[in-house]
């Protein structure tokens, strides 16, 4: 019976009774906007977290194994990437890929300018999909184990500053006892928007950098360990660190294991602060929605006081009448949530398809506002919104029990 009366009231509100229309519209709008803002906030925050995290991992994997003595060195000292180390890493199911690199600090010099950078040498087994996804011009060379290559892939930031184009030749200088010079050919230009790293890393052939460093073929600057799941970073960092830290390789050098979080503490601290802001926004939106719903229900109860008196005079108990108005209010919540989902998800889809809202990559590491859909989170937000709306409406509905039938039917 309560559901039938609630539906009739809801239809009547859309028909001849006009006094409660503004209250209902305000309540529905409050719920719709609150839910829409929450959905957009979650999608944007997850987008930031996944995109920025993916770029940090793309430049250097989930875990790094380097030389303990070179922890704070830009260039690094060699470690042995031998079969013993690879056998240890192969024992972990969480490890999806192991790849080596060799780095060397250098300076590019052109007729008009110069710029310092880190030459990162990679081999034929190195996963270059991250750079391929952000390649803007040219191509990424296929570095072969059979020959040395003098091709390099530079960032857009380096290319613009030094006025380089694909196919240009550029001189580079390295300080290793005496000043040494090399000439490289620009094969490709990439741009990730991660300016902190874009202005730093230049890709080339690992064997060429090993020769430049005068290292043996099994000596590398570091070993990058890719994991199947980012959530395993902390646990694997601890396990591998316990197993490898300060242990010696075949050259007497000591290993050091670091996670991408350890290497980029400021970046991940910023993402943690972003999470706190999200919770704050969600709390505020829930509060605003709750306030509008409570206000709307109180106005509806006062506007329908005579109707409440008639129901009680006909024998309806307080609990039954409260149930009618709670169901009536939840119908308003339901419609507001429907519009909230349409608006919120619509804005997210529009941004994901068009990239309409842009960002300054110097400040945010991205050039557009990122969107990531987490359907589990979307469903959870809808459920929490509906349940909390129902709970906060219980208290104002208690006003019905204070309405006396004889006074209510004389109420104007």
Protein backbone atom coordinates (compact mmCIF):
# COMPACT_ATOMS: atom_id res chain seq x y z
CA UNK A 1 0.00 0.00 0.00
CA UNK A 2 2.80 2.42 0.92
CA UNK A 3 4.47 1.94 -2.49
CA UNK A 4 1.19 2.61 -4.31
CA UNK A 5 0.50 5.81 -2.38
CA UNK A 6 4.13 6.97 -2.80
CA UNK A 7 3.94 6.51 -6.57
CA UNK A 8 0.62 8.37 -6.71
CA UNK A 9 2.13 11.21 -4.72
CA UNK A 10 5.10 11.30 -7.06
CA UNK A 11 2.86 11.49 -10.12
CA UNK A 12 0.66 14.09 -8.42
CA UNK A 13 3.73 16.21 -7.73
CA UNK A 14 4.32 16.28 -11.48
CA UNK A 15 0.69 17.14 -12.13
CA UNK A 16 -1.67 19.55 -10.44
CA UNK A 17 0.10 20.20 -7.11
CA UNK A 18 2.69 22.86 -7.83
CA UNK A 19 3.79 24.04 -4.35
CA UNK A 20 6.27 21.19 -3.87
CA UNK A 21 7.71 21.28 -7.38
CA UNK A 22 10.59 23.65 -6.53
CA UNK A 23 11.54 21.57 -3.49
CA UNK A 24 11.50 18.36 -5.52
CA UNK A 25 13.53 19.93 -8.34
CA UNK A 26 16.10 21.31 -5.89
CA UNK A 27 16.40 17.91 -4.21
CA UNK A 28 16.76 16.07 -7.52
CA UNK A 29 19.26 18.63 -8.81
CA UNK A 30 21.31 18.37 -5.62
CA UNK A 31 21.49 14.60 -5.89
CA UNK A 32 22.22 14.70 -9.63
CA UNK A 33 25.00 17.27 -9.39
CA UNK A 34 26.49 15.65 -6.29
CA UNK A 35 26.64 12.24 -7.95
CA UNK A 36 27.91 13.69 -11.25
CA UNK A 37 30.75 15.52 -9.48
CA UNK A 38 31.66 12.37 -7.56
CA UNK A 39 31.78 10.25 -10.72
CA UNK A 40 33.90 12.82 -12.57
CA UNK A 41 36.20 13.20 -9.55
CA UNK A 42 36.78 9.46 -9.30
CA UNK A 43 37.36 9.08 -13.05
CA UNK A 44 39.82 12.00 -13.15
CA UNK A 45 41.70 10.96 -10.00
CA UNK A 46 42.07 7.38 -11.24
CA UNK A 47 43.11 8.74 -14.63
CA UNK A 48 45.82 10.85 -13.02
CA UNK A 49 47.02 7.97 -10.88
CA UNK A 50 47.16 5.42 -13.71
CA UNK A 51 48.58 7.75 -16.39
CA UNK A 52 51.28 9.35 -14.23
CA UNK A 53 52.16 6.00 -12.69
CA UNK A 54 52.33 4.39 -16.14
CA UNK A 55 54.75 7.07 -17.34
CA UNK A 56 56.97 6.69 -14.28
CA UNK A 57 57.03 2.92 -14.85
CA UNK A 58 57.50 3.36 -18.62
CA UNK A 59 60.70 5.31 -18.04
CA UNK A 60 62.13 2.77 -15.62
CA UNK A 61 60.02 -0.30 -14.73
CA UNK A 62 58.56 -1.26 -11.35
CA UNK A 63 61.84 -2.26 -9.72
CA UNK A 64 65.47 -1.30 -10.35
CA UNK A 65 68.54 -3.32 -9.48
CA UNK A 66 71.63 -1.09 -9.53
CA UNK A 67 75.02 -0.74 -7.89
CA UNK A 68 74.84 -0.02 -4.16
CA UNK A 69 77.77 2.39 -4.37
CA UNK A 70 76.08 4.38 -7.13
CA UNK A 71 72.76 5.00 -5.34
CA UNK A 72 73.04 8.78 -5.65
CA UNK A 73 75.04 8.84 -8.88
CA UNK A 74 73.54 10.13 -12.13
CA UNK A 75 75.70 7.95 -14.34
CA UNK A 76 75.99 4.80 -12.22
CA UNK A 77 78.58 2.11 -11.73
CA UNK A 78 78.37 -1.32 -13.37
CA UNK A 79 76.81 -4.48 -12.00
CA UNK A 80 76.87 -7.94 -13.51
CA UNK A 81 73.64 -8.92 -15.27
CA UNK A 82 74.65 -12.57 -15.34
CA UNK A 83 72.73 -15.82 -15.40
CA UNK A 84 72.83 -16.11 -11.60
CA UNK A 85 70.89 -12.85 -11.15
CA UNK A 86 68.41 -13.72 -13.88
CA UNK A 87 67.84 -17.15 -12.30
CA UNK A 88 66.93 -15.47 -9.00
CA UNK A 89 64.41 -13.20 -10.72
CA UNK A 90 62.93 -16.07 -12.73
CA UNK A 91 61.83 -17.77 -9.49
CA UNK A 92 59.18 -15.09 -8.87
CA UNK A 93 55.85 -15.50 -10.63
CA UNK A 94 55.12 -11.80 -10.14
CA UNK A 95 57.99 -10.87 -12.48
CA UNK A 96 56.79 -10.46 -16.08
CA UNK A 97 59.94 -9.09 -17.73
CA UNK A 98 63.63 -8.45 -16.99
CA UNK A 99 65.61 -6.00 -19.14
CA UNK A 100 68.99 -4.28 -18.85
CA UNK A 101 70.23 -0.81 -19.69
CA UNK A 102 73.51 1.12 -19.68
CA UNK A 103 73.62 4.88 -19.05
CA UNK A 104 76.16 7.62 -19.63
CA UNK A 105 75.99 11.36 -18.92
CA UNK A 106 76.77 13.54 -21.91
CA UNK A 107 76.35 16.97 -23.49
CA UNK A 108 74.84 17.68 -26.90
CA UNK A 109 76.39 20.62 -28.73
CA UNK A 110 75.10 22.39 -31.81
CA UNK A 111 76.14 25.63 -33.50
CA UNK A 112 73.58 27.57 -31.46
CA UNK A 113 73.25 25.81 -28.10
CA UNK A 114 74.23 22.90 -25.86
CA UNK A 115 72.34 20.69 -23.43
CA UNK A 116 73.19 17.99 -20.89
CA UNK A 117 71.38 14.64 -20.97
CA UNK A 118 71.58 10.96 -20.00
CA UNK A 119 72.33 8.52 -22.81
CA UNK A 120 70.36 5.35 -22.11
CA UNK A 121 71.53 2.32 -24.03
CA UNK A 122 69.06 -0.51 -24.57
CA UNK A 123 69.35 -3.88 -26.27
CA UNK A 124 67.26 -5.84 -28.71
CA UNK A 125 65.37 -7.53 -25.86
CA UNK A 126 64.30 -4.20 -24.31
CA UNK A 127 60.56 -3.45 -24.40
CA UNK A 128 60.25 -0.16 -26.31
CA UNK A 129 56.44 -0.11 -26.48
CA UNK A 130 56.28 2.87 -24.10
CA UNK A 131 58.45 5.00 -26.37
CA UNK A 132 56.67 3.73 -29.48
CA UNK A 133 53.33 4.85 -28.01
CA UNK A 134 54.73 8.38 -27.54
CA UNK A 135 56.75 8.60 -30.75
CA UNK A 136 55.96 11.81 -32.65
CA UNK A 137 58.39 11.71 -35.58
CA UNK A 138 60.70 9.21 -37.24
CA UNK A 139 61.16 5.70 -35.87
CA UNK A 140 62.77 3.78 -33.06
CA UNK A 141 65.76 1.82 -34.43
CA UNK A 142 65.93 -1.93 -34.05
CA UNK A 143 69.13 -2.35 -32.07
CA UNK A 144 70.82 -5.58 -33.08
CA UNK A 145 73.30 -7.72 -31.20
CA UNK A 146 75.35 -8.09 -34.40
CA UNK A 147 76.23 -4.43 -35.00
CA UNK A 148 76.72 -1.09 -33.30
CA UNK A 149 74.33 1.77 -34.02
CA UNK A 150 74.91 5.51 -33.74
CA UNK A 151 71.19 6.33 -33.98
CA UNK A 152 69.44 8.09 -31.10
CA UNK A 153 65.86 8.85 -30.13
CA UNK A 154 65.50 12.23 -28.44
CA UNK A 155 62.57 13.94 -26.76
CA UNK A 156 60.60 16.80 -28.29
CA UNK A 157 61.94 19.11 -25.58
CA UNK A 158 65.56 18.35 -26.50
CA UNK A 159 64.84 18.56 -30.23
CA UNK A 160 63.11 21.95 -29.91
CA UNK A 161 65.83 23.45 -27.76
CA UNK A 162 68.66 22.29 -30.01
CA UNK A 163 66.61 22.76 -33.22
CA UNK A 164 67.00 19.13 -34.25
CA UNK A 165 64.94 17.19 -36.78
CA UNK A 166 64.81 13.54 -37.79
CA UNK A 167 67.89 12.72 -39.83
CA UNK A 168 70.05 15.47 -38.34
CA UNK A 169 73.50 14.66 -37.02
CA UNK A 170 74.49 16.01 -33.62
CA UNK A 171 77.79 16.02 -31.74
CA UNK A 172 77.95 14.73 -28.18
CA UNK A 173 80.75 15.04 -25.64
CA UNK A 174 81.54 12.78 -22.69
CA UNK A 175 83.95 13.34 -19.83
CA UNK A 176 85.76 10.14 -18.89
CA UNK A 177 89.28 11.04 -17.89
CA UNK A 178 89.74 12.93 -21.16
CA UNK A 179 87.01 14.61 -23.21
CA UNK A 180 85.55 12.18 -25.75
CA UNK A 181 83.32 13.03 -28.70
CA UNK A 182 80.72 11.03 -30.62
CA UNK A 183 78.41 11.96 -33.48
CA UNK A 184 74.85 10.61 -33.48
CA UNK A 185 72.01 10.60 -35.99
CA UNK A 186 68.52 11.52 -34.80
CA UNK A 187 66.26 8.60 -35.77
CA UNK A 188 63.14 9.58 -33.86
CA UNK A 189 61.53 12.15 -31.58
CA UNK A 190 59.24 11.19 -28.69
CA UNK A 191 57.08 13.25 -26.34
CA UNK A 192 55.49 11.89 -23.15
CA UNK A 193 54.57 15.16 -21.43
CA UNK A 194 56.63 13.95 -18.48
CA UNK A 195 59.01 16.89 -18.83
CA UNK A 196 61.16 15.92 -15.85
CA UNK A 197 62.28 12.85 -17.80
CA UNK A 198 61.75 14.09 -21.34
CA UNK A 199 64.51 16.65 -20.97
CA UNK A 200 66.84 13.99 -19.60
CA UNK A 201 66.75 10.66 -21.48
CA UNK A 202 68.06 9.87 -24.95
CA UNK A 203 67.79 6.29 -26.29
CA UNK A 204 70.54 4.53 -28.20
CA UNK A 205 72.27 1.17 -28.65
CA UNK A 206 73.37 -0.50 -25.38
CA UNK A 207 76.51 -1.98 -26.91
CA UNK A 208 77.67 1.47 -28.02
CA UNK A 209 77.29 2.82 -24.48
CA UNK A 210 79.08 -0.20 -23.02
CA UNK A 211 81.96 0.50 -25.39
CA UNK A 212 81.89 4.15 -24.41
CA UNK A 213 82.09 3.17 -20.73
CA UNK A 214 84.70 0.50 -21.53
CA UNK A 215 82.61 -2.15 -19.81
CA UNK A 216 82.31 -5.84 -20.55
CA UNK A 217 79.27 -7.24 -22.31
CA UNK A 218 77.65 -8.50 -19.09
CA UNK A 219 78.19 -5.23 -17.21
CA UNK A 220 75.21 -2.87 -17.11
CA UNK A 221 74.11 0.22 -15.19
CA UNK A 222 70.94 -1.43 -14.02
CA UNK A 223 68.42 -4.21 -14.42
CA UNK A 224 64.76 -3.21 -14.75
CA UNK A 225 62.19 -5.63 -13.37
CA UNK A 226 58.64 -5.38 -14.71
CA UNK A 227 55.84 -6.86 -12.61
CA UNK A 228 52.49 -8.20 -13.74
CA UNK A 229 50.64 -6.08 -11.15
CA UNK A 230 51.62 -2.69 -9.72
CA UNK A 231 50.07 -3.67 -6.39
CA UNK A 232 52.97 -6.10 -5.91
CA UNK A 233 55.62 -3.36 -6.02
CA UNK A 234 56.01 -2.89 -2.27
CA UNK A 235 56.03 -6.59 -1.40
CA UNK A 236 58.41 -7.51 -4.23
CA UNK A 237 60.70 -4.61 -3.36
CA UNK A 238 60.96 -5.99 0.17
CA UNK A 239 61.44 -9.62 -0.96
CA UNK A 240 64.07 -8.86 -3.61
CA UNK A 241 65.72 -6.33 -1.33
CA UNK A 242 66.01 -8.92 1.43
CA UNK A 243 67.45 -11.41 -1.06
CA UNK A 244 69.81 -9.18 -3.09
CA UNK A 245 70.72 -6.01 -1.19
CA UNK A 246 74.44 -5.81 -0.44
CA UNK A 247 75.10 -9.20 -2.05
CA UNK A 248 78.10 -9.27 -4.39
CA UNK A 249 78.10 -10.01 -8.09
CA UNK A 250 80.89 -11.77 -10.00
CA UNK A 251 82.94 -8.52 -10.07
CA UNK A 252 82.64 -7.86 -6.34
CA UNK A 253 80.05 -5.09 -6.78
CA UNK A 254 77.02 -4.96 -4.45
CA UNK A 255 73.40 -4.97 -5.60
CA UNK A 256 70.74 -2.46 -4.52
CA UNK A 257 67.01 -2.97 -5.14
CA UNK A 258 64.76 0.09 -5.40
CA UNK A 259 61.13 0.48 -6.41
CA UNK A 260 59.73 3.16 -8.71
CA UNK A 261 58.17 4.66 -5.57
CA UNK A 262 61.59 4.93 -3.90
CA UNK A 263 63.05 6.58 -7.00
CA UNK A 264 60.16 9.07 -7.38
CA UNK A 265 59.06 9.83 -3.78
CA UNK A 266 57.81 13.33 -4.56
CA UNK A 267 55.68 12.14 -7.47
CA UNK A 268 53.95 9.39 -5.51
CA UNK A 269 53.52 11.66 -2.47
CA UNK A 270 51.65 14.03 -4.80
CA UNK A 271 49.40 11.16 -5.93
CA UNK A 272 48.69 10.31 -2.27
CA UNK A 273 47.68 13.93 -1.64
CA UNK A 274 45.41 13.67 -4.67
CA UNK A 275 43.68 10.69 -3.03
CA UNK A 276 43.05 12.76 0.11
CA UNK A 277 41.51 15.52 -2.01
CA UNK A 278 39.22 12.99 -3.67
CA UNK A 279 37.91 11.77 -0.31
CA UNK A 280 37.35 15.37 0.74
CA UNK A 281 35.38 16.14 -2.44
CA UNK A 282 33.30 12.97 -2.07
CA UNK A 283 32.48 13.84 1.54
CA UNK A 284 31.44 17.38 0.60
CA UNK A 285 29.25 16.20 -2.27
CA UNK A 286 27.54 13.61 -0.09
CA UNK A 287 26.94 16.32 2.52
CA UNK A 288 25.45 18.72 -0.05
CA UNK A 289 23.20 16.00 -1.47
CA UNK A 290 22.07 14.96 2.01
CA UNK A 291 21.27 18.57 2.95
CA UNK A 292 19.16 19.15 -0.16
CA UNK A 293 17.29 15.88 0.34
CA UNK A 294 16.55 16.63 4.01
CA UNK A 295 15.36 20.13 3.13
CA UNK A 296 13.24 18.80 0.29
CA UNK A 297 11.60 16.13 2.46
CA UNK A 298 10.79 18.62 5.24
CA UNK A 299 9.15 20.94 2.71
CA UNK A 300 7.17 18.04 1.26
CA UNK A 301 5.98 16.95 4.70
CA UNK A 302 4.88 20.49 5.63
CA UNK A 303 3.20 20.96 2.25
CA UNK A 304 1.35 17.64 2.63
CA UNK A 305 0.36 18.08 6.27
CA UNK A 306 -3.38 17.85 5.51
CA UNK A 307 -2.81 14.69 3.51
CA UNK A 308 -0.91 13.18 6.47
CA UNK A 309 -3.81 14.10 8.78
CA UNK A 310 -6.29 12.41 6.45
CA UNK A 311 -4.20 9.22 6.30
CA UNK A 312 -3.97 9.10 10.09
CA UNK A 313 -7.72 9.78 10.45
CA UNK A 314 -8.35 6.82 8.15
CA UNK A 315 -6.35 4.61 10.51
CA UNK A 316 -2.81 4.73 9.07
CA UNK A 317 -0.12 4.43 11.74
CA UNK A 318 2.94 6.69 11.99
CA UNK A 319 5.19 3.96 10.65
CA UNK A 320 3.02 3.48 7.55
CA UNK A 321 2.84 7.20 6.80
CA UNK A 322 6.61 7.59 7.31
CA UNK A 323 7.13 4.69 4.90
CA UNK A 324 5.01 6.48 2.27
CA UNK A 325 7.11 9.63 2.44
CA UNK A 326 10.39 7.76 2.61
CA UNK A 327 9.47 5.85 -0.53
CA UNK A 328 8.35 9.11 -2.12
CA UNK A 329 11.71 10.72 -1.27
CA UNK A 330 13.65 7.71 -2.56
CA UNK A 331 11.84 8.01 -5.89
CA UNK A 332 13.19 11.56 -6.07
CA UNK A 333 16.67 10.28 -5.14
CA UNK A 334 16.44 7.58 -7.80
CA UNK A 335 15.55 10.05 -10.53
CA UNK A 336 18.28 12.42 -9.38
CA UNK A 337 20.82 9.59 -9.45
CA UNK A 338 19.71 8.66 -12.96
CA UNK A 339 20.41 12.17 -14.19
CA UNK A 340 23.63 12.28 -12.17
CA UNK A 341 24.93 9.18 -13.93
CA UNK A 342 23.94 10.57 -17.34
CA UNK A 343 25.68 13.91 -16.68
CA UNK A 344 28.77 12.52 -14.92
CA UNK A 345 29.46 9.65 -17.30
CA UNK A 346 28.59 11.86 -20.27
CA UNK A 347 31.22 14.42 -19.26
CA UNK A 348 33.77 11.63 -18.75
CA UNK A 349 33.09 10.05 -22.14
CA UNK A 350 33.26 13.45 -23.86
CA UNK A 351 36.62 14.23 -22.25
CA UNK A 352 38.04 10.79 -23.01
CA UNK A 353 37.02 10.99 -26.67
CA UNK A 354 37.94 14.61 -27.35
CA UNK A 355 40.51 15.66 -24.71
CA UNK A 356 38.61 18.94 -24.50
CA UNK A 357 40.07 19.97 -21.13
CA UNK A 358 43.80 20.48 -21.38
CA UNK A 359 46.57 20.78 -18.80
CA UNK A 360 50.02 22.27 -18.52
CA UNK A 361 52.37 19.26 -18.71
CA UNK A 362 55.06 21.22 -16.86
CA UNK A 363 52.86 21.20 -13.75
CA UNK A 364 50.68 18.09 -14.12
CA UNK A 365 52.87 15.70 -16.21
CA UNK A 366 49.96 15.37 -18.68
CA UNK A 367 48.66 17.55 -21.50
CA UNK A 368 44.96 16.65 -21.10
CA UNK A 369 42.73 15.74 -18.18
CA UNK A 370 42.90 11.92 -18.01
CA UNK A 371 39.82 9.75 -17.58
CA UNK A 372 39.81 6.16 -16.32
CA UNK A 373 36.57 4.23 -15.87
CA UNK A 374 36.39 1.88 -12.91
CA UNK A 375 32.98 0.26 -13.17
CA UNK A 376 33.28 -1.34 -9.76
CA UNK A 377 33.90 2.08 -8.25
CA UNK A 378 31.02 3.63 -10.21
CA UNK A 379 28.60 0.98 -8.99
CA UNK A 380 29.91 1.34 -5.43
CA UNK A 381 29.41 5.13 -5.48
CA UNK A 382 25.83 4.68 -6.68
CA UNK A 383 25.06 2.14 -3.97
CA UNK A 384 26.64 4.27 -1.23
CA UNK A 385 24.80 7.36 -2.48
CA UNK A 386 21.43 5.58 -2.42
CA UNK A 387 21.97 3.95 0.99
CA UNK A 388 23.20 7.15 2.65
CA UNK A 389 20.31 9.10 1.15
CA UNK A 390 17.88 6.58 2.64
CA UNK A 391 19.57 6.78 6.04
CA UNK A 392 19.65 10.57 6.29
CA UNK A 393 15.95 10.74 5.38
CA UNK A 394 14.93 8.65 8.39
CA UNK A 395 15.47 11.50 10.88
CA UNK A 396 13.39 14.23 9.15
CA UNK A 397 10.64 11.72 8.45
CA UNK A 398 10.23 11.46 12.22
CA UNK A 399 8.40 14.82 12.03
CA UNK A 400 5.37 12.88 10.77
CA UNK A 401 4.86 11.24 14.18
CA UNK A 402 4.39 14.71 15.74
CA UNK A 403 1.52 15.62 13.39
CA UNK A 404 -1.93 15.20 15.06
CA UNK A 405 -4.83 14.37 12.69
CA UNK A 406 -7.25 17.02 13.99
CA UNK A 407 -4.67 19.81 13.82
CA UNK A 408 -3.32 18.62 10.52
CA UNK A 409 -6.66 18.75 8.71
CA UNK A 410 -7.05 22.43 9.82
CA UNK A 411 -3.45 23.22 8.76
CA UNK A 412 -2.97 25.74 5.95
